[in-house]
Amino acid sequence: MTRYLSDRHIDLPTGALRMFCFPFAGGGASSYVGWQRRLGPEVQVVPVRLPGREDRLAEPRFTDLDALVTELDEQLGPELDHPHVFFGHSMGALIAFSLAERRHARGQELPEALLLSGYRARHLPAPRIADRNASDEELAAVLAALGGIPQRLLEHPEWLSALLPVARDDLLLCAGPLSRAIAPLPVPLYVFAGSEDRLVAPEAIRLWEQHTTGPFEMDTFAGGHFFIRDCDTEFLARVAQLLRRHGAAGTASGARSPRLLEGVSS
C-alpha cells in the first residue's frame, strides 16, 4: 500500500498495461479523471497522487526533484514490475522522465514507453512561467492565461489561496538544478506539443529525441499549453493508438493481451 496511489489502483488485473500519470504544476491526480473510461479496459490509468495537494493537502510538498523521484522510486517500485508506461504533462513530464532515468541508472525495470507532453527536453532550462517574487494576483493571471486555472476560479479567492502555494512549490521543483544526465534511455519516447503553446515551443519538445535510443515520435495538436484539454478527443485517440503498440503481457509465457480499443469514446 502506498499513499501515491488510490486504493482502487493497488490490485490491478495483471493483463492490463498500466499507465502511471504524473500531474502538471499546481495539478493533481484528478487531472486524469475520465481517462480510464475514454481509453478503454485494456489500459489501467493510474494517476499518481503527489503530496501537498487534493486529499494529501496537509502533507509537505517537494521542491527538490531528486528527493521526489527518490521517494517515488521507493513507493511505486513494487507496482512497476508489471508492464507499464509513464505519462506526464508539463511538470509531470519532467517527473516521469527523471523517474525512468533513476530506474535505468539502478538497473531496474523500465517503462515500455514514455509519453511526455508540454515540457522542454530534459537538457534545456525549465520554462519561465513567472518571477518567484510575483504576487498572487500576477501568478494567477499568468496561470489563467496559460489555461492552468479556469477563469471561474479567479472569482473565488478562497480557492486560489489553496491552489497558488501548490503552484509556487511546483515551479521551484521544476526550476531546480538538474542532476547529471545519464545516457539516453533505451525506451520508445513519444512527445506531444501544442501548436500555440506560448510557454514551450514545439521545437524545444522535439529535442527530446536526444534522450532515447529507441523509437521517437512527436505529435503537435491545436491549442495552447493545455492542449491535452483543448484538443482532448484527438489527443486521447493518439495516446490510445500508441498504447496499442505496447499491450501488456497476458501470461507468464509472454502472450500479449488483446489490443486496446480502436476508438476513444467521448
C-alpha atoms as a PDB file:
ATOM      1  CA  MET A   1       0.000   0.000   0.000  1.00  0.00           C
ATOM      2  CA  THR A   2       1.289   3.463  -0.888  1.00  0.00           C
ATOM      3  CA  ARG A   3      -0.228   6.911  -0.474  1.00  0.00           C
ATOM      4  CA  TYR A   4       0.911   7.720  -4.010  1.00  0.00           C
ATOM      5  CA  LEU A   5      -1.857   5.553  -5.483  1.00  0.00           C
ATOM      6  CA  SER A   6      -5.516   5.373  -4.599  1.00  0.00           C
ATOM      7  CA  ASP A   7      -6.751   2.123  -3.082  1.00  0.00           C
ATOM      8  CA  ARG A   8      -8.590   1.138  -6.225  1.00  0.00           C
ATOM      9  CA  HIS A   9      -5.366   1.151  -8.221  1.00  0.00           C
ATOM     10  CA  ILE A  10      -3.427  -1.186  -5.939  1.00  0.00           C
ATOM     11  CA  ASP A  11      -4.708  -4.576  -7.155  1.00  0.00           C
ATOM     12  CA  LEU A  12      -4.971  -4.216 -10.904  1.00  0.00           C
ATOM     13  CA  PRO A  13      -5.507  -7.008 -13.438  1.00  0.00           C
ATOM     14  CA  THR A  14      -2.147  -8.444 -14.479  1.00  0.00           C
ATOM     15  CA  GLY A  15      -3.185  -8.482 -18.135  1.00  0.00           C
ATOM     16  CA  ALA A  16      -3.660  -4.726 -18.382  1.00  0.00           C
ATOM     17  CA  LEU A  17      -0.971  -2.262 -19.367  1.00  0.00           C
ATOM     18  CA  ARG A  18      -0.647   0.324 -16.603  1.00  0.00           C
ATOM     19  CA  MET A  19      -0.220   3.984 -17.464  1.00  0.00           C
ATOM     20  CA  PHE A  20       1.135   5.946 -14.499  1.00  0.00           C
ATOM     21  CA  CYS A  21       0.115   9.584 -14.956  1.00  0.00           C
ATOM     22  CA  PHE A  22       2.056  12.422 -13.299  1.00  0.00           C
ATOM     23  CA  PRO A  23       0.402  15.834 -12.832  1.00  0.00           C
ATOM     24  CA  PHE A  24       1.350  19.265 -14.127  1.00  0.00           C
ATOM     25  CA  ALA A  25       2.416  22.085 -11.794  1.00  0.00           C
ATOM     26  CA  GLY A  26      -0.423  23.006  -9.479  1.00  0.00           C
ATOM     27  CA  GLY A  27      -2.400  19.954 -10.548  1.00  0.00           C
ATOM     28  CA  GLY A  28      -3.176  16.619  -9.006  1.00  0.00           C
ATOM     29  CA  ALA A  29      -4.406  13.121  -9.708  1.00  0.00           C
ATOM     30  CA  SER A  30      -7.875  14.474 -10.523  1.00  0.00           C
ATOM     31  CA  SER A  31      -6.417  15.931 -13.735  1.00  0.00           C
ATOM     32  CA  TYR A  32      -6.835  12.462 -15.226  1.00  0.00           C
ATOM     33  CA  VAL A  33     -10.439  11.855 -14.203  1.00  0.00           C
ATOM     34  CA  GLY A  34     -12.286  10.357 -17.153  1.00  0.00           C
ATOM     35  CA  TRP A  35      -9.234   8.995 -18.942  1.00  0.00           C
ATOM     36  CA  GLN A  36      -9.935   5.411 -17.870  1.00  0.00           C
ATOM     37  CA  ARG A  37     -13.351   5.443 -19.489  1.00  0.00           C
ATOM     38  CA  ARG A  38     -12.039   7.041 -22.646  1.00  0.00           C
ATOM     39  CA  LEU A  39      -9.005   4.802 -23.121  1.00  0.00           C
ATOM     40  CA  GLY A  40     -10.818   1.534 -22.526  1.00  0.00           C
ATOM     41  CA  PRO A  41     -10.402  -1.518 -20.272  1.00  0.00           C
ATOM     42  CA  GLU A  42      -7.117  -2.859 -21.605  1.00  0.00           C
ATOM     43  CA  VAL A  43      -5.100   0.001 -20.149  1.00  0.00           C
ATOM     44  CA  GLN A  44      -5.247   0.851 -16.459  1.00  0.00           C
ATOM     45  CA  VAL A  45      -4.934   4.605 -15.957  1.00  0.00           C
ATOM     46  CA  VAL A  46      -3.080   5.084 -12.662  1.00  0.00           C
ATOM     47  CA  PRO A  47      -2.913   8.743 -11.558  1.00  0.00           C
ATOM     48  CA  VAL A  48      -0.022   9.405  -9.178  1.00  0.00           C
ATOM     49  CA  ARG A  49      -1.044  11.302  -6.028  1.00  0.00           C
ATOM     50  CA  LEU A  50       1.716  13.734  -5.083  1.00  0.00           C
ATOM     51  CA  PRO A  51       1.828  15.135  -1.528  1.00  0.00           C
ATOM     52  CA  GLY A  52       0.587  18.599  -0.655  1.00  0.00           C
ATOM     53  CA  ARG A  53      -2.468  18.667  -2.921  1.00  0.00           C
ATOM     54  CA  GLU A  54      -6.032  17.369  -3.101  1.00  0.00           C
ATOM     55  CA  ASP A  55      -6.545  14.622  -0.498  1.00  0.00           C
ATOM     56  CA  ARG A  56      -2.873  14.878   0.580  1.00  0.00           C
ATOM     57  CA  LEU A  57      -3.077  18.637   1.103  1.00  0.00           C
ATOM     58  CA  ALA A  58      -1.827  18.542   4.706  1.00  0.00           C
ATOM     59  CA  GLU A  59       1.434  16.825   3.756  1.00  0.00           C
ATOM     60  CA  PRO A  60       4.591  18.802   2.925  1.00  0.00           C
ATOM     61  CA  ARG A  61       5.286  19.302  -0.751  1.00  0.00           C
ATOM     62  CA  PHE A  62       8.557  18.557  -2.506  1.00  0.00           C
ATOM     63  CA  THR A  63      10.540  21.402  -4.047  1.00  0.00           C
ATOM     64  CA  ASP A  64      13.548  19.203  -4.861  1.00  0.00           C
ATOM     65  CA  LEU A  65      13.152  16.972  -7.895  1.00  0.00           C
ATOM     66  CA  ASP A  66      15.742  14.382  -6.881  1.00  0.00           C
ATOM     67  CA  ALA A  67      14.136  13.949  -3.457  1.00  0.00           C
ATOM     68  CA  LEU A  68      10.704  13.460  -5.016  1.00  0.00           C
ATOM     69  CA  VAL A  69      11.960  10.983  -7.600  1.00  0.00           C
ATOM     70  CA  THR A  70      13.824   9.004  -4.936  1.00  0.00           C
ATOM     71  CA  GLU A  71      10.636   8.640  -2.909  1.00  0.00           C
ATOM     72  CA  LEU A  72       8.561   7.811  -5.981  1.00  0.00           C
ATOM     73  CA  ASP A  73      11.003   5.054  -6.874  1.00  0.00           C
ATOM     74  CA  GLU A  74      10.722   3.601  -3.382  1.00  0.00           C
ATOM     75  CA  GLN A  75       6.945   3.945  -3.128  1.00  0.00           C
ATOM     76  CA  LEU A  76       5.976   2.879  -6.638  1.00  0.00           C
ATOM     77  CA  GLY A  77       8.715   0.301  -7.134  1.00  0.00           C
ATOM     78  CA  PRO A  78       6.616  -2.785  -6.338  1.00  0.00           C
ATOM     79  CA  GLU A  79       3.943  -1.642  -8.805  1.00  0.00           C
ATOM     80  CA  LEU A  80       6.486  -1.121 -11.607  1.00  0.00           C
ATOM     81  CA  ASP A  81       7.292  -4.802 -12.006  1.00  0.00           C
ATOM     82  CA  HIS A  82       4.170  -5.101 -14.170  1.00  0.00           C
ATOM     83  CA  PRO A  83       4.084  -3.884 -17.799  1.00  0.00           C
ATOM     84  CA  HIS A  84       3.639  -0.132 -17.674  1.00  0.00           C
ATOM     85  CA  VAL A  85       4.197   3.211 -19.363  1.00  0.00           C
ATOM     86  CA  PHE A  86       4.693   6.674 -17.881  1.00  0.00           C
ATOM     87  CA  PHE A  87       2.720   9.725 -18.964  1.00  0.00           C
ATOM     88  CA  GLY A  88       3.343  13.261 -17.755  1.00  0.00           C
ATOM     89  CA  HIS A  89       2.198  16.690 -18.840  1.00  0.00           C
ATOM     90  CA  SER A  90       4.396  19.751 -18.216  1.00  0.00           C
ATOM     91  CA  MET A  91       5.953  19.228 -14.755  1.00  0.00           C
ATOM     92  CA  GLY A  92       4.641  15.677 -14.918  1.00  0.00           C
ATOM     93  CA  ALA A  93       6.784  15.026 -18.000  1.00  0.00           C
ATOM     94  CA  LEU A  94       9.903  16.092 -16.104  1.00  0.00           C
ATOM     95  CA  ILE A  95       8.991  13.833 -13.177  1.00  0.00           C
ATOM     96  CA  ALA A  96       8.169  10.862 -15.408  1.00  0.00           C
ATOM     97  CA  PHE A  97      11.425  11.085 -17.339  1.00  0.00           C
ATOM     98  CA  SER A  98      13.508  11.667 -14.208  1.00  0.00           C
ATOM     99  CA  LEU A  99      11.980   8.605 -12.551  1.00  0.00           C
ATOM    100  CA  ALA A 100      12.776   6.496 -15.610  1.00  0.00           C
ATOM    101  CA  GLU A 101      16.335   7.911 -15.568  1.00  0.00           C
ATOM    102  CA  ARG A 102      16.792   6.906 -11.948  1.00  0.00           C
ATOM    103  CA  ARG A 103      15.451   3.415 -12.538  1.00  0.00           C
ATOM    104  CA  HIS A 104      17.682   2.947 -15.568  1.00  0.00           C
ATOM    105  CA  ALA A 105      20.751   4.004 -13.580  1.00  0.00           C
ATOM    106  CA  ARG A 106      19.823   1.465 -10.899  1.00  0.00           C
ATOM    107  CA  GLY A 107      19.230  -1.356 -13.364  1.00  0.00           C
ATOM    108  CA  GLN A 108      15.515  -1.557 -12.576  1.00  0.00           C
ATOM    109  CA  GLU A 109      12.541  -2.352 -14.758  1.00  0.00           C
ATOM    110  CA  LEU A 110      11.829   0.428 -17.261  1.00  0.00           C
ATOM    111  CA  PRO A 111       8.534   1.571 -18.767  1.00  0.00           C
ATOM    112  CA  GLU A 112       7.613   0.060 -22.085  1.00  0.00           C
ATOM    113  CA  ALA A 113       7.321   3.646 -23.333  1.00  0.00           C
ATOM    114  CA  LEU A 114       7.446   7.240 -22.135  1.00  0.00           C
ATOM    115  CA  LEU A 115       4.717   9.661 -23.211  1.00  0.00           C
ATOM    116  CA  LEU A 116       5.777  13.242 -22.461  1.00  0.00           C
ATOM    117  CA  SER A 117       3.665  16.297 -23.097  1.00  0.00           C
ATOM    118  CA  GLY A 118       4.167  20.057 -22.947  1.00  0.00           C
ATOM    119  CA  TYR A 119       7.688  20.215 -21.496  1.00  0.00           C
ATOM    120  CA  ARG A 120      11.095  21.140 -22.883  1.00  0.00           C
ATOM    121  CA  ALA A 121      13.699  18.445 -23.498  1.00  0.00           C
ATOM    122  CA  ARG A 122      15.499  17.263 -20.372  1.00  0.00           C
ATOM    123  CA  HIS A 123      18.749  19.162 -21.016  1.00  0.00           C
ATOM    124  CA  LEU A 124      17.072  22.552 -21.513  1.00  0.00           C
ATOM    125  CA  PRO A 125      16.362  25.045 -18.696  1.00  0.00           C
ATOM    126  CA  ALA A 126      12.873  24.930 -17.219  1.00  0.00           C
ATOM    127  CA  PRO A 127      10.400  27.281 -18.921  1.00  0.00           C
ATOM    128  CA  ARG A 128       9.993  30.551 -17.030  1.00  0.00           C
ATOM    129  CA  ILE A 129       6.380  30.994 -16.025  1.00  0.00           C
ATOM    130  CA  ALA A 130       6.621  33.828 -13.510  1.00  0.00           C
ATOM    131  CA  ASP A 131       9.138  35.530 -11.266  1.00  0.00           C
ATOM    132  CA  ARG A 132       9.385  33.777  -7.913  1.00  0.00           C
ATOM    133  CA  ASN A 133       8.526  37.103  -6.237  1.00  0.00           C
ATOM    134  CA  ALA A 134       5.361  37.557  -8.284  1.00  0.00           C
ATOM    135  CA  SER A 135       2.269  38.461  -6.299  1.00  0.00           C
ATOM    136  CA  ASP A 136      -0.618  36.030  -6.043  1.00  0.00           C
ATOM    137  CA  GLU A 137      -2.571  38.168  -8.482  1.00  0.00           C
ATOM    138  CA  GLU A 138       0.271  38.162 -11.019  1.00  0.00           C
ATOM    139  CA  LEU A 139       0.840  34.423 -10.718  1.00  0.00           C
ATOM    140  CA  ALA A 140      -2.868  33.671 -11.018  1.00  0.00           C
ATOM    141  CA  ALA A 141      -3.123  35.840 -14.124  1.00  0.00           C
ATOM    142  CA  VAL A 142      -0.193  34.063 -15.787  1.00  0.00           C
ATOM    143  CA  LEU A 143      -1.549  30.600 -14.969  1.00  0.00           C
ATOM    144  CA  ALA A 144      -5.007  31.565 -16.192  1.00  0.00           C
ATOM    145  CA  ALA A 145      -3.558  32.860 -19.469  1.00  0.00           C
ATOM    146  CA  LEU A 146      -1.830  29.519 -19.984  1.00  0.00           C
ATOM    147  CA  GLY A 147      -5.056  27.649 -19.282  1.00  0.00           C
ATOM    148  CA  GLY A 148      -3.875  26.191 -15.983  1.00  0.00           C
ATOM    149  CA  ILE A 149      -6.556  27.956 -13.941  1.00  0.00           C
ATOM    150  CA  PRO A 150     -10.164  28.089 -15.153  1.00  0.00           C
ATOM    151  CA  GLN A 151     -11.368  31.675 -15.346  1.00  0.00           C
ATOM    152  CA  ARG A 152     -14.141  30.974 -12.834  1.00  0.00           C
ATOM    153  CA  LEU A 153     -11.534  30.267 -10.137  1.00  0.00           C
ATOM    154  CA  LEU A 154     -10.265  33.826 -10.399  1.00  0.00           C
ATOM    155  CA  GLU A 155     -13.549  34.910  -8.854  1.00  0.00           C
ATOM    156  CA  HIS A 156     -13.018  32.739  -5.766  1.00  0.00           C
ATOM    157  CA  PRO A 157     -10.051  33.933  -3.660  1.00  0.00           C
ATOM    158  CA  GLU A 158     -10.572  31.096  -1.188  1.00  0.00           C
ATOM    159  CA  TRP A 159      -9.902  28.529  -3.919  1.00  0.00           C
ATOM    160  CA  LEU A 160      -6.897  30.429  -5.239  1.00  0.00           C
ATOM    161  CA  SER A 161      -5.419  30.619  -1.756  1.00  0.00           C
ATOM    162  CA  ALA A 162      -5.242  26.815  -1.721  1.00  0.00           C
ATOM    163  CA  LEU A 163      -4.002  26.397  -5.301  1.00  0.00           C
ATOM    164  CA  LEU A 164      -1.311  29.069  -5.609  1.00  0.00           C
ATOM    165  CA  PRO A 165       1.045  27.756  -2.878  1.00  0.00           C
ATOM    166  CA  VAL A 166       0.992  24.372  -4.631  1.00  0.00           C
ATOM    167  CA  ALA A 167       1.830  26.013  -7.955  1.00  0.00           C
ATOM    168  CA  ARG A 168       4.663  28.048  -6.410  1.00  0.00           C
ATOM    169  CA  ASP A 169       6.319  24.973  -4.891  1.00  0.00           C
ATOM    170  CA  ASP A 170       5.911  23.027  -8.113  1.00  0.00           C
ATOM    171  CA  LEU A 171       7.579  25.806 -10.081  1.00  0.00           C
ATOM    172  CA  LEU A 172      10.502  25.707  -7.630  1.00  0.00           C
ATOM    173  CA  LEU A 173      10.771  21.966  -8.194  1.00  0.00           C
ATOM    174  CA  CYS A 174      10.969  22.468 -11.972  1.00  0.00           C
ATOM    175  CA  ALA A 175      13.473  25.324 -11.702  1.00  0.00           C
ATOM    176  CA  GLY A 176      15.948  23.471  -9.503  1.00  0.00           C
ATOM    177  CA  PRO A 177      19.353  22.351 -10.798  1.00  0.00           C
ATOM    178  CA  LEU A 178      19.277  19.286 -12.997  1.00  0.00           C
ATOM    179  CA  SER A 179      21.071  16.202 -11.791  1.00  0.00           C
ATOM    180  CA  ARG A 180      23.819  14.940 -14.050  1.00  0.00           C
ATOM    181  CA  ALA A 181      22.186  13.320 -17.045  1.00  0.00           C
ATOM    182  CA  ILE A 182      22.861   9.695 -17.854  1.00  0.00           C
ATOM    183  CA  ALA A 183      22.934   8.092 -21.285  1.00  0.00           C
ATOM    184  CA  PRO A 184      19.775   8.239 -23.418  1.00  0.00           C
ATOM    185  CA  LEU A 185      17.133   5.788 -22.287  1.00  0.00           C
ATOM    186  CA  PRO A 186      16.507   2.574 -24.248  1.00  0.00           C
ATOM    187  CA  VAL A 187      12.737   3.064 -24.376  1.00  0.00           C
ATOM    188  CA  PRO A 188      10.347   4.394 -27.019  1.00  0.00           C
ATOM    189  CA  LEU A 189       9.709   8.088 -26.467  1.00  0.00           C
ATOM    190  CA  TYR A 190       6.538   9.790 -27.676  1.00  0.00           C
ATOM    191  CA  VAL A 191       6.183  13.533 -27.185  1.00  0.00           C
ATOM    192  CA  PHE A 192       3.305  15.948 -27.667  1.00  0.00           C
ATOM    193  CA  ALA A 193       3.182  19.694 -28.231  1.00  0.00           C
ATOM    194  CA  GLY A 194       0.585  22.437 -28.592  1.00  0.00           C
ATOM    195  CA  SER A 195       0.912  24.447 -31.773  1.00  0.00           C
ATOM    196  CA  GLU A 196       0.006  27.672 -29.937  1.00  0.00           C
ATOM    197  CA  ASP A 197       1.801  26.963 -26.663  1.00  0.00           C
ATOM    198  CA  ARG A 198       3.313  30.280 -25.508  1.00  0.00           C
ATOM    199  CA  LEU A 199       5.336  28.572 -22.775  1.00  0.00           C
ATOM    200  CA  VAL A 200       7.009  25.656 -24.555  1.00  0.00           C
ATOM    201  CA  ALA A 201       7.680  25.859 -28.288  1.00  0.00           C
ATOM    202  CA  PRO A 202       7.315  22.656 -30.321  1.00  0.00           C
ATOM    203  CA  GLU A 203      10.984  22.969 -31.345  1.00  0.00           C
ATOM    204  CA  ALA A 204      12.035  22.591 -27.694  1.00  0.00           C
ATOM    205  CA  ILE A 205       9.882  19.495 -27.354  1.00  0.00           C
ATOM    206  CA  ARG A 206      11.330  17.900 -30.476  1.00  0.00           C
ATOM    207  CA  LEU A 207      14.768  17.958 -28.812  1.00  0.00           C
ATOM    208  CA  TRP A 208      13.602  15.109 -26.538  1.00  0.00           C
ATOM    209  CA  GLU A 209      14.772  12.916 -29.414  1.00  0.00           C
ATOM    210  CA  GLN A 210      18.295  13.220 -27.984  1.00  0.00           C
ATOM    211  CA  HIS A 211      17.212  11.349 -24.859  1.00  0.00           C
ATOM    212  CA  THR A 212      16.252   7.983 -26.301  1.00  0.00           C
ATOM    213  CA  THR A 213      17.983   5.232 -28.236  1.00  0.00           C
ATOM    214  CA  GLY A 214      14.586   3.775 -29.079  1.00  0.00           C
ATOM    215  CA  PRO A 215      11.838   4.925 -31.417  1.00  0.00           C
ATOM    216  CA  PHE A 216      10.888   8.599 -31.226  1.00  0.00           C
ATOM    217  CA  GLU A 217       7.690  10.234 -32.469  1.00  0.00           C
ATOM    218  CA  MET A 218       6.251  13.697 -31.998  1.00  0.00           C
ATOM    219  CA  ASP A 219       2.710  14.933 -32.462  1.00  0.00           C
ATOM    220  CA  THR A 220       1.546  18.547 -32.462  1.00  0.00           C
ATOM    221  CA  PHE A 221      -2.047  19.419 -31.627  1.00  0.00           C
ATOM    222  CA  ALA A 222      -4.058  22.593 -31.985  1.00  0.00           C
ATOM    223  CA  GLY A 223      -4.170  24.557 -28.754  1.00  0.00           C
ATOM    224  CA  GLY A 224      -2.023  26.185 -26.114  1.00  0.00           C
ATOM    225  CA  HIS A 225      -0.105  24.761 -23.186  1.00  0.00           C
ATOM    226  CA  PHE A 226      -3.121  22.731 -22.084  1.00  0.00           C
ATOM    227  CA  PHE A 227      -3.880  21.280 -25.489  1.00  0.00           C
ATOM    228  CA  ILE A 228      -4.489  17.950 -23.742  1.00  0.00           C
ATOM    229  CA  ARG A 229      -7.783  19.545 -22.652  1.00  0.00           C
ATOM    230  CA  ASP A 230      -8.327  21.903 -25.605  1.00  0.00           C
ATOM    231  CA  CYS A 231      -7.939  19.043 -28.074  1.00  0.00           C
ATOM    232  CA  ASP A 232      -8.700  16.111 -25.806  1.00  0.00           C
ATOM    233  CA  THR A 233     -10.578  13.870 -28.250  1.00  0.00           C
ATOM    234  CA  GLU A 234      -7.796  13.888 -30.843  1.00  0.00           C
ATOM    235  CA  PHE A 235      -5.086  13.734 -28.183  1.00  0.00           C
ATOM    236  CA  LEU A 236      -6.528  10.719 -26.357  1.00  0.00           C
ATOM    237  CA  ALA A 237      -7.182   8.946 -29.643  1.00  0.00           C
ATOM    238  CA  ARG A 238      -3.475   9.287 -30.438  1.00  0.00           C
ATOM    239  CA  VAL A 239      -2.497   8.085 -26.954  1.00  0.00           C
ATOM    240  CA  ALA A 240      -4.727   5.016 -27.399  1.00  0.00           C
ATOM    241  CA  GLN A 241      -3.122   4.348 -30.787  1.00  0.00           C
ATOM    242  CA  LEU A 242       0.364   4.464 -29.290  1.00  0.00           C
ATOM    243  CA  LEU A 243      -0.578   2.280 -26.337  1.00  0.00           C
ATOM    244  CA  ARG A 244      -1.845  -0.402 -28.709  1.00  0.00           C
ATOM    245  CA  ARG A 245       1.782  -0.949 -29.679  1.00  0.00           C
ATOM    246  CA  HIS A 246       2.716  -1.768 -26.099  1.00  0.00           C
ATOM    247  CA  GLY A 247      -0.033  -4.135 -24.926  1.00  0.00           C
ATOM    248  CA  ALA A 248       0.564  -5.784 -21.556  1.00  0.00           C
ATOM    249  CA  ALA A 249       1.871  -9.302 -21.113  1.00  0.00           C
ATOM    250  CA  GLY A 250      -1.122 -11.532 -20.586  1.00  0.00           C
ATOM    251  CA  THR A 251       0.624 -14.687 -19.374  1.00  0.00           C
ATOM    252  CA  ALA A 252       3.927 -15.811 -17.967  1.00  0.00           C
ATOM    253  CA  SER A 253       4.765 -17.271 -21.363  1.00  0.00           C
ATOM    254  CA  GLY A 254       4.785 -13.781 -22.853  1.00  0.00           C
ATOM    255  CA  ALA A 255       1.467 -13.878 -24.683  1.00  0.00           C
ATOM    256  CA  ARG A 256       0.152 -10.440 -25.421  1.00  0.00           C
ATOM    257  CA  SER A 257      -3.184  -9.145 -24.261  1.00  0.00           C
ATOM    258  CA  PRO A 258      -5.796  -8.078 -26.839  1.00  0.00           C
ATOM    259  CA  ARG A 259      -5.127  -4.685 -28.331  1.00  0.00           C
ATOM    260  CA  LEU A 260      -6.632  -1.501 -26.948  1.00  0.00           C
ATOM    261  CA  LEU A 261      -9.906  -0.368 -28.372  1.00  0.00           C
ATOM    262  CA  GLU A 262      -9.580   1.156 -31.810  1.00  0.00           C
ATOM    263  CA  GLY A 263     -11.580   4.239 -30.910  1.00  0.00           C
ATOM    264  CA  VAL A 264     -11.771   6.597 -27.984  1.00  0.00           C
ATOM    265  CA  SER A 265     -15.293   7.398 -26.889  1.00  0.00           C
ATOM    266  CA  SER A 266     -16.060  10.847 -25.567  1.00  0.00           C
END
